[in-house]
Amino acid sequence: MTRFLVLAALFLAAGAIAEEPKGEYVFVPDTERLVGMNRGNEIVIGTLDANGEFHQTMKVEVQNPKIPVIIYKGPPFDSLNGSFVIPRSVYELRSGMLIPGKMGSTGLFVPEEDGKIIKFSKYKYGPDAPPIWNLPGRFELKKK
């Protein structure tokens, strides 16, 4: 079954942040979930592989970029880069390493010059940690 979704204002609704419960988190891979990225006059939809690489399966054109509202008929997807209203510190996952940088309202990742690259295995998820914008999965509270 398909759903009708109206995606408005560059996915701003997707940017709502809920307070995370305290505790230890574990990474749960999910390379099957659909994700979307804002690419100016179009939204590209696809999946992320285990390395964070995007694989496009479809695209939807935005009719009027000044009023970025599109009518999309298809399965729901998570916005990867459309929910950042102001530039925000994020990591980008590449080959098991996290590259620090900024994600701006244009939806483009800009690496931090001389930023400290860390191993993904050393990343500690939490409310104060920069998010990984191309995370191929999610973090869940560790069960006791």
Protein backbone atom coordinates (compact mmCIF):
# COMPACT_ATOMS: atom_id res chain seq x y z
CA MET A 1 0.00 0.00 0.00
CA THR A 2 1.30 3.45 -0.82
CA ARG A 3 0.83 6.53 1.27
CA PHE A 4 0.36 10.12 0.22
CA LEU A 5 2.76 12.41 1.98
CA VAL A 6 3.10 16.12 1.66
CA LEU A 7 6.72 17.05 2.32
CA ALA A 8 6.97 20.72 3.20
CA ALA A 9 9.71 23.22 3.99
CA LEU A 10 12.62 20.89 3.29
CA PHE A 11 11.47 18.20 5.73
CA LEU A 12 11.42 20.58 8.70
CA ALA A 13 8.92 18.40 10.49
CA ALA A 14 11.49 15.58 10.42
CA GLY A 15 13.80 17.76 12.47
CA ALA A 16 11.75 17.53 15.64
CA ILE A 17 14.06 16.26 18.36
CA ALA A 18 12.73 14.24 21.28
CA GLU A 19 14.66 13.95 24.53
CA GLU A 20 16.58 10.68 24.64
CA PRO A 21 16.46 8.47 27.73
CA LYS A 22 19.73 8.24 29.63
CA GLY A 23 21.75 5.05 29.49
CA GLU A 24 24.05 3.10 27.24
CA TYR A 25 23.14 2.75 23.56
CA VAL A 26 24.03 0.12 20.98
CA PHE A 27 24.09 0.47 17.22
CA VAL A 28 21.48 -1.55 15.30
CA PRO A 29 22.23 -1.74 11.55
CA ASP A 30 19.34 -1.20 9.13
CA THR A 31 20.32 -1.09 5.47
CA GLU A 32 16.75 -1.75 4.31
CA ARG A 33 15.12 1.50 5.51
CA LEU A 34 14.27 4.09 2.91
CA VAL A 35 16.01 7.44 3.24
CA GLY A 36 15.73 10.67 1.28
CA MET A 37 18.09 13.55 0.58
CA ASN A 38 17.38 17.09 -0.53
CA ARG A 39 19.34 17.85 -3.71
CA GLY A 40 18.12 21.35 -4.57
CA ASN A 41 15.37 20.88 -7.14
CA GLU A 42 14.84 17.23 -6.31
CA ILE A 43 14.53 14.75 -3.48
CA VAL A 44 16.43 11.51 -4.07
CA ILE A 45 15.22 8.39 -2.29
CA GLY A 46 17.08 5.13 -1.68
CA THR A 47 18.97 3.16 0.96
CA LEU A 48 22.29 3.35 2.78
CA ASP A 49 24.69 0.42 2.71
CA ALA A 50 26.75 -0.65 5.75
CA ASN A 51 29.43 1.95 4.88
CA GLY A 52 26.96 4.84 4.76
CA GLU A 53 26.97 5.02 0.94
CA PHE A 54 23.68 6.14 -0.58
CA HIS A 55 22.07 4.02 -3.31
CA GLN A 56 19.32 5.87 -5.16
CA THR A 57 16.16 4.05 -6.19
CA MET A 58 14.03 7.03 -7.25
CA LYS A 59 13.82 10.81 -7.35
CA VAL A 60 11.04 13.35 -7.04
CA GLU A 61 11.33 16.83 -8.56
CA VAL A 62 10.43 19.91 -6.53
CA GLN A 63 8.20 22.11 -8.71
CA ASN A 64 9.03 25.43 -7.02
CA PRO A 65 12.31 25.50 -5.05
CA LYS A 66 11.26 28.78 -3.34
CA ILE A 67 8.30 26.93 -1.83
CA PRO A 68 9.71 23.39 -1.46
CA VAL A 69 6.48 21.44 -1.28
CA ILE A 70 6.13 18.21 -3.21
CA ILE A 71 3.44 15.63 -3.49
CA TYR A 72 4.99 12.21 -3.06
CA LYS A 73 3.14 8.96 -3.61
CA GLY A 74 5.19 6.11 -2.22
CA PRO A 75 6.49 4.48 0.94
CA PRO A 76 7.60 6.70 3.84
CA PHE A 77 11.29 7.52 4.22
CA ASP A 78 13.60 9.21 6.71
CA SER A 79 15.12 12.55 5.72
CA LEU A 80 18.93 12.53 5.95
CA ASN A 81 19.81 16.13 5.22
CA GLY A 82 16.62 18.17 5.06
CA SER A 83 15.97 18.72 8.75
CA PHE A 84 18.92 21.02 9.49
CA VAL A 85 17.57 24.58 9.50
CA ILE A 86 20.86 26.14 10.57
CA PRO A 87 24.36 24.74 10.07
CA ARG A 88 24.86 21.95 12.57
CA SER A 89 27.90 19.90 13.58
CA VAL A 90 27.57 16.35 12.28
CA TYR A 91 29.71 13.36 11.39
CA GLU A 92 29.81 11.63 8.03
CA LEU A 93 30.44 7.87 8.02
CA ARG A 94 33.07 6.65 5.53
CA SER A 95 34.69 3.20 5.64
CA GLY A 96 34.20 2.79 9.38
CA MET A 97 35.52 6.27 10.16
CA LEU A 98 33.64 9.40 11.22
CA ILE A 99 34.56 12.67 9.56
CA PRO A 100 33.51 15.83 11.46
CA GLY A 101 31.87 18.67 9.58
CA LYS A 102 28.77 20.82 9.19
CA MET A 103 25.42 20.17 7.56
CA GLY A 104 23.68 23.33 6.48
CA SER A 105 20.23 24.30 5.30
CA THR A 106 21.28 23.53 1.71
CA GLY A 107 21.65 19.87 2.66
CA LEU A 108 25.35 19.66 1.82
CA PHE A 109 27.96 18.18 4.17
CA VAL A 110 31.14 20.26 4.46
CA PRO A 111 34.07 18.51 6.19
CA GLU A 112 35.77 20.39 9.01
CA GLU A 113 39.25 21.52 8.01
CA ASP A 114 41.76 19.73 10.27
CA GLY A 115 38.86 17.98 12.05
CA LYS A 116 39.69 14.94 14.15
CA ILE A 117 38.57 11.76 12.37
CA ILE A 118 37.55 8.98 14.76
CA LYS A 119 36.66 5.31 14.39
CA PHE A 120 32.94 4.58 14.34
CA SER A 121 33.52 2.05 17.14
CA LYS A 122 34.73 4.93 19.39
CA TYR A 123 31.59 7.04 18.86
CA LYS A 124 29.43 7.47 21.96
CA TYR A 125 25.81 8.17 21.10
CA GLY A 126 23.98 10.66 23.29
CA PRO A 127 22.05 13.92 23.29
CA ASP A 128 25.23 16.03 23.20
CA ALA A 129 27.05 14.00 20.54
CA PRO A 130 27.00 15.28 16.96
CA PRO A 131 24.67 13.04 14.91
CA ILE A 132 25.94 10.87 12.06
CA TRP A 133 23.95 12.19 9.12
CA ASN A 134 24.39 9.08 6.93
CA LEU A 135 24.02 6.48 9.69
CA PRO A 136 22.95 3.11 8.19
CA GLY A 137 20.80 2.18 11.16
CA ARG A 138 19.89 3.56 14.57
CA PHE A 139 21.01 3.61 18.18
CA GLU A 140 18.80 1.84 20.73
CA LEU A 141 18.94 1.85 24.50
CA LYS A 142 20.91 -1.21 25.62
CA LYS A 143 18.76 -3.78 27.37
CA LYS A 144 19.89 -4.85 30.81
